Amino acid sequence: MKKILLACFLAVGISAQAQIETPQPSPSAKIMQTVGLTEVTIEYSRPAMRGRTIFGDLVPYDQLWRTGANANTTIEFSDDITIGESAVKAGKYAIFTKPGKDTWEVILYNDTSNWGAPRAWDESKVVATAVAPVNKMPYTTESFTIGINNLSNDKADLEFSWEKTFVVVPFAVPTDKKATASIEKAMAGPQAGDYFSAARYFFEEGKDMDKAKMWVDKAIEMTSDNPRFWYLRQQSLIYAKMGKKAEAIKIAKESLALAEKAGNKDYVKMNRDSIKEWSK
């Protein structure tokens, strides 16, 4: 009897300690990307081809697809955005698609609790749809991939690729609205960094250069006791864009000297290149 009990205890102990780990057939992935001033997060699972024909077979044409594997593929925006012709509120959404031979319909759905596609589709939960053309790639993507690429201050591309199929859905973020509001608020009592950031933003977006010059000059004036080579670099760029190249060269030389002293090779090179260009 004692031997039987001992054997039972050993079996239970071995069972409790056994924790077998094996790779998931469709491993999970998470993308976190800042677009302008908006945070975008995507979570999804990545099935692989494994010798199978994907679109038109494993994933039938013109039928609702979970856009990945396992639980809902989700996308979350920290701000209101625009995708296709649809305005989308900040929040978290499931991504469903209807892959076709020539186009995909991409759908944002405000219920993310499903495992795969919903058993009962609720059209009232659709917050946005976009139709995008199918591009054929010259190479094969083995694992289903979602990416956020072609970033700019106010937009980016949501990309889907698998097998030889590549689909791009552009979306826009409210960077100008947020940045302008932030600038206007800061101007009520700005610090040197506020003036610098405002000037840089106006320069990069091609907005009012007179305002950009006024703000960058303020930033330089407020830091005259401890000049900063990156502030001077931005000032030189604004002056050059306004056609004040002689002044831009003088400022760039000041920035160059400070950058050399600080050992910042990137700013040394940028200033030298600009001085050479503006001296032509």
C-alpha atoms as a PDB file:
ATOM      1  CA  MET A   1       0.000   0.000   0.000  1.00  0.00           C
ATOM      2  CA  LYS A   2       2.866   2.345   0.908  1.00  0.00           C
ATOM      3  CA  LYS A   3       4.489   1.645  -2.466  1.00  0.00           C
ATOM      4  CA  ILE A   4       1.248   2.493  -4.275  1.00  0.00           C
ATOM      5  CA  LEU A   5       0.878   5.782  -2.379  1.00  0.00           C
ATOM      6  CA  LEU A   6       4.513   6.690  -3.068  1.00  0.00           C
ATOM      7  CA  ALA A   7       4.034   6.010  -6.769  1.00  0.00           C
ATOM      8  CA  CYS A   8       0.916   8.223  -6.806  1.00  0.00           C
ATOM      9  CA  PHE A   9       2.738  11.082  -5.068  1.00  0.00           C
ATOM     10  CA  LEU A  10       5.640  10.820  -7.537  1.00  0.00           C
ATOM     11  CA  ALA A  11       3.243  10.852 -10.499  1.00  0.00           C
ATOM     12  CA  VAL A  12       1.464  13.940  -9.164  1.00  0.00           C
ATOM     13  CA  GLY A  13       4.787  15.694  -8.516  1.00  0.00           C
ATOM     14  CA  ILE A  14       6.075  14.993 -12.010  1.00  0.00           C
ATOM     15  CA  SER A  15       2.767  16.164 -13.525  1.00  0.00           C
ATOM     16  CA  ALA A  16       2.847  19.413 -11.514  1.00  0.00           C
ATOM     17  CA  GLN A  17       6.402  20.172 -12.646  1.00  0.00           C
ATOM     18  CA  ALA A  18       5.855  19.330 -16.314  1.00  0.00           C
ATOM     19  CA  GLN A  19       5.501  22.537 -18.322  1.00  0.00           C
ATOM     20  CA  ILE A  20       6.006  21.792 -21.979  1.00  0.00           C
ATOM     21  CA  GLU A  21       6.655  24.856 -24.131  1.00  0.00           C
ATOM     22  CA  THR A  22       6.335  24.676 -27.906  1.00  0.00           C
ATOM     23  CA  PRO A  23       6.204  27.457 -30.524  1.00  0.00           C
ATOM     24  CA  GLN A  24       2.788  28.759 -31.500  1.00  0.00           C
ATOM     25  CA  PRO A  25       1.855  28.063 -35.133  1.00  0.00           C
ATOM     26  CA  SER A  26       0.719  31.710 -35.464  1.00  0.00           C
ATOM     27  CA  PRO A  27       2.924  33.729 -33.085  1.00  0.00           C
ATOM     28  CA  SER A  28       1.605  36.980 -31.680  1.00  0.00           C
ATOM     29  CA  ALA A  29       3.046  40.364 -32.605  1.00  0.00           C
ATOM     30  CA  LYS A  30       2.690  43.915 -31.334  1.00  0.00           C
ATOM     31  CA  ILE A  31       3.516  47.142 -33.172  1.00  0.00           C
ATOM     32  CA  MET A  32       3.761  50.494 -31.416  1.00  0.00           C
ATOM     33  CA  GLN A  33       4.299  53.465 -33.708  1.00  0.00           C
ATOM     34  CA  THR A  34       4.126  57.212 -33.210  1.00  0.00           C
ATOM     35  CA  VAL A  35       2.715  59.022 -36.241  1.00  0.00           C
ATOM     36  CA  GLY A  36       3.124  62.760 -35.792  1.00  0.00           C
ATOM     37  CA  LEU A  37       1.762  63.181 -32.265  1.00  0.00           C
ATOM     38  CA  THR A  38      -0.552  60.143 -32.371  1.00  0.00           C
ATOM     39  CA  GLU A  39       0.243  56.754 -30.829  1.00  0.00           C
ATOM     40  CA  VAL A  40      -0.849  53.754 -32.905  1.00  0.00           C
ATOM     41  CA  THR A  41      -0.743  50.196 -31.520  1.00  0.00           C
ATOM     42  CA  ILE A  42      -1.488  47.015 -33.456  1.00  0.00           C
ATOM     43  CA  GLU A  43      -1.769  43.517 -31.939  1.00  0.00           C
ATOM     44  CA  TYR A  44      -2.243  40.441 -34.117  1.00  0.00           C
ATOM     45  CA  SER A  45      -1.202  36.846 -34.794  1.00  0.00           C
ATOM     46  CA  ARG A  46       0.952  35.862 -37.771  1.00  0.00           C
ATOM     47  CA  PRO A  47       0.024  32.664 -39.627  1.00  0.00           C
ATOM     48  CA  ALA A  48       2.534  31.241 -42.109  1.00  0.00           C
ATOM     49  CA  MET A  49       2.060  29.924 -45.648  1.00  0.00           C
ATOM     50  CA  ARG A  50       3.662  26.492 -45.051  1.00  0.00           C
ATOM     51  CA  GLY A  51       3.344  25.585 -48.716  1.00  0.00           C
ATOM     52  CA  ARG A  52      -0.314  26.535 -48.925  1.00  0.00           C
ATOM     53  CA  THR A  53      -2.042  28.780 -51.447  1.00  0.00           C
ATOM     54  CA  ILE A  54      -3.371  31.688 -49.382  1.00  0.00           C
ATOM     55  CA  PHE A  55      -5.663  34.119 -51.160  1.00  0.00           C
ATOM     56  CA  GLY A  56      -8.458  32.545 -53.130  1.00  0.00           C
ATOM     57  CA  ASP A  57      -7.973  29.254 -51.249  1.00  0.00           C
ATOM     58  CA  LEU A  58      -7.055  29.257 -47.537  1.00  0.00           C
ATOM     59  CA  VAL A  59      -8.470  32.787 -47.365  1.00  0.00           C
ATOM     60  CA  PRO A  60     -11.411  32.794 -49.817  1.00  0.00           C
ATOM     61  CA  TYR A  61     -11.983  35.837 -51.996  1.00  0.00           C
ATOM     62  CA  ASP A  62     -14.694  38.318 -51.026  1.00  0.00           C
ATOM     63  CA  GLN A  63     -15.442  36.740 -47.644  1.00  0.00           C
ATOM     64  CA  LEU A  64     -14.935  38.273 -44.207  1.00  0.00           C
ATOM     65  CA  TRP A  65     -11.485  37.429 -42.797  1.00  0.00           C
ATOM     66  CA  ARG A  66     -10.180  37.935 -39.257  1.00  0.00           C
ATOM     67  CA  THR A  67      -6.998  39.436 -40.803  1.00  0.00           C
ATOM     68  CA  GLY A  68      -4.548  37.136 -39.111  1.00  0.00           C
ATOM     69  CA  ALA A  69      -5.182  34.255 -36.739  1.00  0.00           C
ATOM     70  CA  ASN A  70      -6.568  33.507 -33.290  1.00  0.00           C
ATOM     71  CA  ALA A  71      -8.148  36.449 -31.412  1.00  0.00           C
ATOM     72  CA  ASN A  72      -9.151  39.674 -33.127  1.00  0.00           C
ATOM     73  CA  THR A  73      -6.452  41.693 -34.795  1.00  0.00           C
ATOM     74  CA  THR A  74      -6.727  45.113 -33.159  1.00  0.00           C
ATOM     75  CA  ILE A  75      -5.578  48.652 -33.832  1.00  0.00           C
ATOM     76  CA  GLU A  76      -5.666  51.466 -31.272  1.00  0.00           C
ATOM     77  CA  PHE A  77      -5.370  55.210 -31.875  1.00  0.00           C
ATOM     78  CA  SER A  78      -4.613  57.771 -29.156  1.00  0.00           C
ATOM     79  CA  ASP A  79      -6.331  60.526 -31.196  1.00  0.00           C
ATOM     80  CA  ASP A  80      -9.170  60.867 -33.669  1.00  0.00           C
ATOM     81  CA  ILE A  81      -7.922  59.876 -37.124  1.00  0.00           C
ATOM     82  CA  THR A  82      -9.180  59.624 -40.703  1.00  0.00           C
ATOM     83  CA  ILE A  83      -8.965  56.435 -42.757  1.00  0.00           C
ATOM     84  CA  GLY A  84     -10.324  56.389 -46.278  1.00  0.00           C
ATOM     85  CA  GLU A  85     -13.301  58.745 -46.196  1.00  0.00           C
ATOM     86  CA  SER A  86     -14.183  57.848 -42.599  1.00  0.00           C
ATOM     87  CA  ALA A  87     -13.507  59.840 -39.438  1.00  0.00           C
ATOM     88  CA  VAL A  88     -12.571  57.508 -36.573  1.00  0.00           C
ATOM     89  CA  LYS A  89     -12.630  58.424 -32.890  1.00  0.00           C
ATOM     90  CA  ALA A  90      -9.681  57.643 -30.633  1.00  0.00           C
ATOM     91  CA  GLY A  91     -10.024  54.097 -29.338  1.00  0.00           C
ATOM     92  CA  LYS A  92      -9.380  50.413 -30.006  1.00  0.00           C
ATOM     93  CA  TYR A  93     -10.912  48.536 -32.944  1.00  0.00           C
ATOM     94  CA  ALA A  94     -10.835  45.103 -34.537  1.00  0.00           C
ATOM     95  CA  ILE A  95      -9.522  44.956 -38.102  1.00  0.00           C
ATOM     96  CA  PHE A  96     -11.544  42.772 -40.464  1.00  0.00           C
ATOM     97  CA  THR A  97     -10.969  42.503 -44.194  1.00  0.00           C
ATOM     98  CA  LYS A  98     -12.646  41.135 -47.288  1.00  0.00           C
ATOM     99  CA  PRO A  99      -9.730  40.208 -49.555  1.00  0.00           C
ATOM    100  CA  GLY A 100     -10.626  40.233 -53.239  1.00  0.00           C
ATOM    101  CA  LYS A 101      -8.629  39.381 -56.297  1.00  0.00           C
ATOM    102  CA  ASP A 102      -8.146  43.027 -57.260  1.00  0.00           C
ATOM    103  CA  THR A 103      -9.138  44.993 -54.140  1.00  0.00           C
ATOM    104  CA  TRP A 104      -9.481  44.570 -50.377  1.00  0.00           C
ATOM    105  CA  GLU A 105     -12.159  46.046 -48.189  1.00  0.00           C
ATOM    106  CA  VAL A 106     -10.636  46.979 -44.816  1.00  0.00           C
ATOM    107  CA  ILE A 107     -13.085  47.357 -41.938  1.00  0.00           C
ATOM    108  CA  LEU A 108     -12.665  48.805 -38.439  1.00  0.00           C
ATOM    109  CA  TYR A 109     -15.146  47.243 -36.003  1.00  0.00           C
ATOM    110  CA  ASN A 110     -15.735  48.533 -32.486  1.00  0.00           C
ATOM    111  CA  ASP A 111     -16.115  45.096 -30.856  1.00  0.00           C
ATOM    112  CA  THR A 112     -12.719  43.493 -30.201  1.00  0.00           C
ATOM    113  CA  SER A 113     -13.930  40.578 -28.048  1.00  0.00           C
ATOM    114  CA  ASN A 114     -14.404  37.975 -30.797  1.00  0.00           C
ATOM    115  CA  TRP A 115     -12.213  34.978 -31.542  1.00  0.00           C
ATOM    116  CA  GLY A 116     -12.015  35.320 -35.271  1.00  0.00           C
ATOM    117  CA  ALA A 117     -14.980  36.832 -37.094  1.00  0.00           C
ATOM    118  CA  PRO A 118     -18.166  37.582 -35.093  1.00  0.00           C
ATOM    119  CA  ARG A 119     -20.832  34.881 -35.200  1.00  0.00           C
ATOM    120  CA  ALA A 120     -23.390  37.580 -35.911  1.00  0.00           C
ATOM    121  CA  TRP A 121     -22.103  40.563 -37.854  1.00  0.00           C
ATOM    122  CA  ASP A 122     -23.474  43.869 -36.533  1.00  0.00           C
ATOM    123  CA  GLU A 123     -23.310  46.602 -39.154  1.00  0.00           C
ATOM    124  CA  SER A 124     -23.870  49.252 -36.477  1.00  0.00           C
ATOM    125  CA  LYS A 125     -20.449  48.362 -35.028  1.00  0.00           C
ATOM    126  CA  VAL A 126     -18.623  49.237 -38.245  1.00  0.00           C
ATOM    127  CA  VAL A 127     -16.837  52.556 -37.685  1.00  0.00           C
ATOM    128  CA  ALA A 128     -14.884  52.784 -40.935  1.00  0.00           C
ATOM    129  CA  THR A 129     -14.332  51.047 -44.256  1.00  0.00           C
ATOM    130  CA  ALA A 130     -11.704  51.604 -46.910  1.00  0.00           C
ATOM    131  CA  VAL A 131     -11.153  49.932 -50.262  1.00  0.00           C
ATOM    132  CA  ALA A 132      -7.551  49.461 -51.375  1.00  0.00           C
ATOM    133  CA  PRO A 133      -6.049  47.926 -54.525  1.00  0.00           C
ATOM    134  CA  VAL A 134      -4.084  44.682 -54.444  1.00  0.00           C
ATOM    135  CA  ASN A 135      -0.427  44.996 -55.427  1.00  0.00           C
ATOM    136  CA  LYS A 136       1.506  41.919 -56.514  1.00  0.00           C
ATOM    137  CA  MET A 137       4.990  41.586 -55.028  1.00  0.00           C
ATOM    138  CA  PRO A 138       7.932  40.097 -56.945  1.00  0.00           C
ATOM    139  CA  TYR A 139       8.809  38.030 -53.864  1.00  0.00           C
ATOM    140  CA  THR A 140       6.932  35.896 -51.342  1.00  0.00           C
ATOM    141  CA  THR A 141       6.162  36.887 -47.748  1.00  0.00           C
ATOM    142  CA  GLU A 142       5.980  33.648 -45.763  1.00  0.00           C
ATOM    143  CA  SER A 143       4.348  35.056 -42.609  1.00  0.00           C
ATOM    144  CA  PHE A 144       1.358  37.378 -42.606  1.00  0.00           C
ATOM    145  CA  THR A 145       2.649  40.870 -41.838  1.00  0.00           C
ATOM    146  CA  ILE A 146       1.034  44.157 -40.828  1.00  0.00           C
ATOM    147  CA  GLY A 147       3.151  47.299 -40.837  1.00  0.00           C
ATOM    148  CA  ILE A 148       2.933  51.071 -40.455  1.00  0.00           C
ATOM    149  CA  ASN A 149       5.218  52.779 -42.947  1.00  0.00           C
ATOM    150  CA  ASN A 150       5.759  55.895 -45.069  1.00  0.00           C
ATOM    151  CA  LEU A 151       5.500  58.067 -41.979  1.00  0.00           C
ATOM    152  CA  SER A 152       5.135  61.830 -42.144  1.00  0.00           C
ATOM    153  CA  ASN A 153       3.999  64.386 -39.587  1.00  0.00           C
ATOM    154  CA  ASP A 154       0.341  63.997 -40.496  1.00  0.00           C
ATOM    155  CA  LYS A 155      -0.134  60.606 -42.143  1.00  0.00           C
ATOM    156  CA  ALA A 156       1.126  57.061 -42.629  1.00  0.00           C
ATOM    157  CA  ASP A 157       0.304  53.839 -44.468  1.00  0.00           C
ATOM    158  CA  LEU A 158      -1.269  50.774 -42.876  1.00  0.00           C
ATOM    159  CA  GLU A 159       0.200  47.859 -44.821  1.00  0.00           C
ATOM    160  CA  PHE A 160      -0.802  44.199 -45.169  1.00  0.00           C
ATOM    161  CA  SER A 161       1.422  41.636 -46.880  1.00  0.00           C
ATOM    162  CA  TRP A 162       1.272  37.871 -47.282  1.00  0.00           C
ATOM    163  CA  GLU A 163       2.149  35.436 -50.042  1.00  0.00           C
ATOM    164  CA  LYS A 164       2.673  37.815 -53.000  1.00  0.00           C
ATOM    165  CA  THR A 165      -0.105  40.215 -52.014  1.00  0.00           C
ATOM    166  CA  PHE A 166       0.571  43.736 -50.726  1.00  0.00           C
ATOM    167  CA  VAL A 167      -2.219  46.130 -49.711  1.00  0.00           C
ATOM    168  CA  VAL A 168      -1.797  49.730 -48.528  1.00  0.00           C
ATOM    169  CA  VAL A 169      -4.411  51.792 -46.677  1.00  0.00           C
ATOM    170  CA  PRO A 170      -3.387  55.408 -45.939  1.00  0.00           C
ATOM    171  CA  PHE A 171      -4.618  57.133 -42.790  1.00  0.00           C
ATOM    172  CA  ALA A 172      -4.272  60.682 -41.497  1.00  0.00           C
ATOM    173  CA  VAL A 173      -3.644  61.988 -37.972  1.00  0.00           C
ATOM    174  CA  PRO A 174      -4.461  65.446 -36.526  1.00  0.00           C
ATOM    175  CA  THR A 175      -0.871  66.604 -36.020  1.00  0.00           C
ATOM    176  CA  ASP A 176      -1.294  70.137 -37.328  1.00  0.00           C
ATOM    177  CA  LYS A 177      -4.369  70.720 -35.180  1.00  0.00           C
ATOM    178  CA  LYS A 178      -2.638  69.413 -32.039  1.00  0.00           C
ATOM    179  CA  ALA A 179       0.689  71.113 -32.696  1.00  0.00           C
ATOM    180  CA  THR A 180      -0.885  74.468 -33.530  1.00  0.00           C
ATOM    181  CA  ALA A 181      -3.054  74.318 -30.399  1.00  0.00           C
ATOM    182  CA  SER A 182       0.009  73.427 -28.329  1.00  0.00           C
ATOM    183  CA  ILE A 183       1.998  76.276 -29.860  1.00  0.00           C
ATOM    184  CA  GLU A 184      -0.751  78.815 -29.300  1.00  0.00           C
ATOM    185  CA  LYS A 185      -1.133  77.691 -25.684  1.00  0.00           C
ATOM    186  CA  ALA A 186       2.587  77.817 -25.037  1.00  0.00           C
ATOM    187  CA  MET A 187       2.919  81.264 -26.571  1.00  0.00           C
ATOM    188  CA  ALA A 188       0.994  82.677 -23.603  1.00  0.00           C
ATOM    189  CA  GLY A 189       4.121  82.126 -21.535  1.00  0.00           C
ATOM    190  CA  PRO A 190       6.729  80.392 -23.669  1.00  0.00           C
ATOM    191  CA  GLN A 191      10.195  79.247 -22.716  1.00  0.00           C
ATOM    192  CA  ALA A 192      13.128  79.067 -25.123  1.00  0.00           C
ATOM    193  CA  GLY A 193      12.300  75.440 -25.891  1.00  0.00           C
ATOM    194  CA  ASP A 194       8.733  76.383 -26.789  1.00  0.00           C
ATOM    195  CA  TYR A 195       9.911  79.044 -29.236  1.00  0.00           C
ATOM    196  CA  PHE A 196      12.401  76.591 -30.740  1.00  0.00           C
ATOM    197  CA  SER A 197       9.812  73.804 -31.150  1.00  0.00           C
ATOM    198  CA  ALA A 198       7.282  76.193 -32.684  1.00  0.00           C
ATOM    199  CA  ALA A 199       9.855  77.555 -35.126  1.00  0.00           C
ATOM    200  CA  ARG A 200      11.015  74.088 -36.138  1.00  0.00           C
ATOM    201  CA  TYR A 201       7.454  72.896 -36.715  1.00  0.00           C
ATOM    202  CA  PHE A 202       6.563  75.904 -38.877  1.00  0.00           C
ATOM    203  CA  PHE A 203       9.790  75.405 -40.844  1.00  0.00           C
ATOM    204  CA  GLU A 204       9.202  71.681 -41.447  1.00  0.00           C
ATOM    205  CA  GLU A 205       5.588  72.205 -42.464  1.00  0.00           C
ATOM    206  CA  GLY A 206       6.317  75.183 -44.726  1.00  0.00           C
ATOM    207  CA  LYS A 207       4.078  77.486 -42.716  1.00  0.00           C
ATOM    208  CA  ASP A 208       4.617  81.216 -41.987  1.00  0.00           C
ATOM    209  CA  MET A 209       8.408  81.743 -42.137  1.00  0.00           C
ATOM    210  CA  ASP A 210       8.146  85.234 -40.629  1.00  0.00           C
ATOM    211  CA  LYS A 211       6.655  83.685 -37.510  1.00  0.00           C
ATOM    212  CA  ALA A 212       9.239  80.888 -37.574  1.00  0.00           C
ATOM    213  CA  LYS A 213      12.033  83.484 -37.746  1.00  0.00           C
ATOM    214  CA  MET A 214      10.540  85.542 -34.920  1.00  0.00           C
ATOM    215  CA  TRP A 215      10.271  82.473 -32.688  1.00  0.00           C
ATOM    216  CA  VAL A 216      13.719  81.067 -33.419  1.00  0.00           C
ATOM    217  CA  ASP A 217      15.256  84.507 -32.866  1.00  0.00           C
ATOM    218  CA  LYS A 218      13.496  84.598 -29.489  1.00  0.00           C
ATOM    219  CA  ALA A 219      14.869  81.161 -28.615  1.00  0.00           C
ATOM    220  CA  ILE A 220      18.412  82.280 -29.516  1.00  0.00           C
ATOM    221  CA  GLU A 221      18.027  85.508 -27.557  1.00  0.00           C
ATOM    222  CA  MET A 222      16.799  83.668 -24.448  1.00  0.00           C
ATOM    223  CA  THR A 223      19.773  81.268 -24.542  1.00  0.00           C
ATOM    224  CA  SER A 224      22.475  83.799 -25.438  1.00  0.00           C
ATOM    225  CA  ASP A 225      24.339  83.110 -22.181  1.00  0.00           C
ATOM    226  CA  ASN A 226      24.551  79.434 -23.090  1.00  0.00           C
ATOM    227  CA  PRO A 227      24.152  79.165 -26.885  1.00  0.00           C
ATOM    228  CA  ARG A 228      22.974  75.834 -28.273  1.00  0.00           C
ATOM    229  CA  PHE A 229      24.297  74.595 -31.594  1.00  0.00           C
ATOM    230  CA  TRP A 230      21.007  72.876 -32.518  1.00  0.00           C
ATOM    231  CA  TYR A 231      19.071  76.106 -31.965  1.00  0.00           C
ATOM    232  CA  LEU A 232      21.529  77.972 -34.178  1.00  0.00           C
ATOM    233  CA  ARG A 233      21.302  75.212 -36.787  1.00  0.00           C
ATOM    234  CA  GLN A 234      17.516  75.643 -36.964  1.00  0.00           C
ATOM    235  CA  GLN A 235      17.900  79.421 -37.147  1.00  0.00           C
ATOM    236  CA  SER A 236      20.292  79.093 -40.092  1.00  0.00           C
ATOM    237  CA  LEU A 237      17.853  76.824 -41.956  1.00  0.00           C
ATOM    238  CA  ILE A 238      14.996  79.287 -41.506  1.00  0.00           C
ATOM    239  CA  TYR A 239      17.134  82.219 -42.640  1.00  0.00           C
ATOM    240  CA  ALA A 240      18.285  80.279 -45.715  1.00  0.00           C
ATOM    241  CA  LYS A 241      14.716  79.344 -46.604  1.00  0.00           C
ATOM    242  CA  MET A 242      13.809  83.050 -46.441  1.00  0.00           C
ATOM    243  CA  GLY A 243      16.637  83.873 -48.859  1.00  0.00           C
ATOM    244  CA  LYS A 244      18.904  85.392 -46.185  1.00  0.00           C
ATOM    245  CA  LYS A 245      21.857  83.197 -47.138  1.00  0.00           C
ATOM    246  CA  ALA A 246      24.669  85.483 -45.954  1.00  0.00           C
ATOM    247  CA  GLU A 247      23.145  85.597 -42.490  1.00  0.00           C
ATOM    248  CA  ALA A 248      22.403  81.872 -42.634  1.00  0.00           C
ATOM    249  CA  ILE A 249      26.070  81.111 -43.377  1.00  0.00           C
ATOM    250  CA  LYS A 250      27.223  83.297 -40.468  1.00  0.00           C
ATOM    251  CA  ILE A 251      24.832  81.528 -38.082  1.00  0.00           C
ATOM    252  CA  ALA A 252      25.791  78.088 -39.434  1.00  0.00           C
ATOM    253  CA  LYS A 253      29.454  78.850 -38.712  1.00  0.00           C
ATOM    254  CA  GLU A 254      28.541  79.658 -35.108  1.00  0.00           C
ATOM    255  CA  SER A 255      26.616  76.394 -34.856  1.00  0.00           C
ATOM    256  CA  LEU A 256      29.542  74.531 -36.455  1.00  0.00           C
ATOM    257  CA  ALA A 257      32.027  75.895 -33.914  1.00  0.00           C
ATOM    258  CA  LEU A 258      29.802  74.933 -30.987  1.00  0.00           C
ATOM    259  CA  ALA A 259      29.118  71.482 -32.462  1.00  0.00           C
ATOM    260  CA  GLU A 260      32.857  70.874 -32.924  1.00  0.00           C
ATOM    261  CA  LYS A 261      33.426  71.893 -29.300  1.00  0.00           C
ATOM    262  CA  ALA A 262      30.675  69.525 -28.165  1.00  0.00           C
ATOM    263  CA  GLY A 263      32.006  66.692 -30.362  1.00  0.00           C
ATOM    264  CA  ASN A 264      28.726  66.307 -32.256  1.00  0.00           C
ATOM    265  CA  LYS A 265      29.843  64.970 -35.641  1.00  0.00           C
ATOM    266  CA  ASP A 266      26.333  64.928 -37.129  1.00  0.00           C
ATOM    267  CA  TYR A 267      25.829  68.672 -36.637  1.00  0.00           C
ATOM    268  CA  VAL A 268      29.381  69.393 -37.780  1.00  0.00           C
ATOM    269  CA  LYS A 269      28.691  67.626 -41.070  1.00  0.00           C
ATOM    270  CA  MET A 270      25.224  69.173 -41.537  1.00  0.00           C
ATOM    271  CA  ASN A 271      26.565  72.674 -40.959  1.00  0.00           C
ATOM    272  CA  ARG A 272      29.539  72.171 -43.271  1.00  0.00           C
ATOM    273  CA  ASP A 273      27.283  70.798 -46.013  1.00  0.00           C
ATOM    274  CA  SER A 274      24.877  73.737 -45.660  1.00  0.00           C
ATOM    275  CA  ILE A 275      27.648  76.340 -45.657  1.00  0.00           C
ATOM    276  CA  LYS A 276      29.052  74.783 -48.840  1.00  0.00           C
ATOM    277  CA  GLU A 277      25.612  74.738 -50.472  1.00  0.00           C
ATOM    278  CA  TRP A 278      24.657  78.283 -49.463  1.00  0.00           C
ATOM    279  CA  SER A 279      28.055  79.666 -50.553  1.00  0.00           C
ATOM    280  CA  LYS A 280      27.549  78.655 -54.192  1.00  0.00           C
END
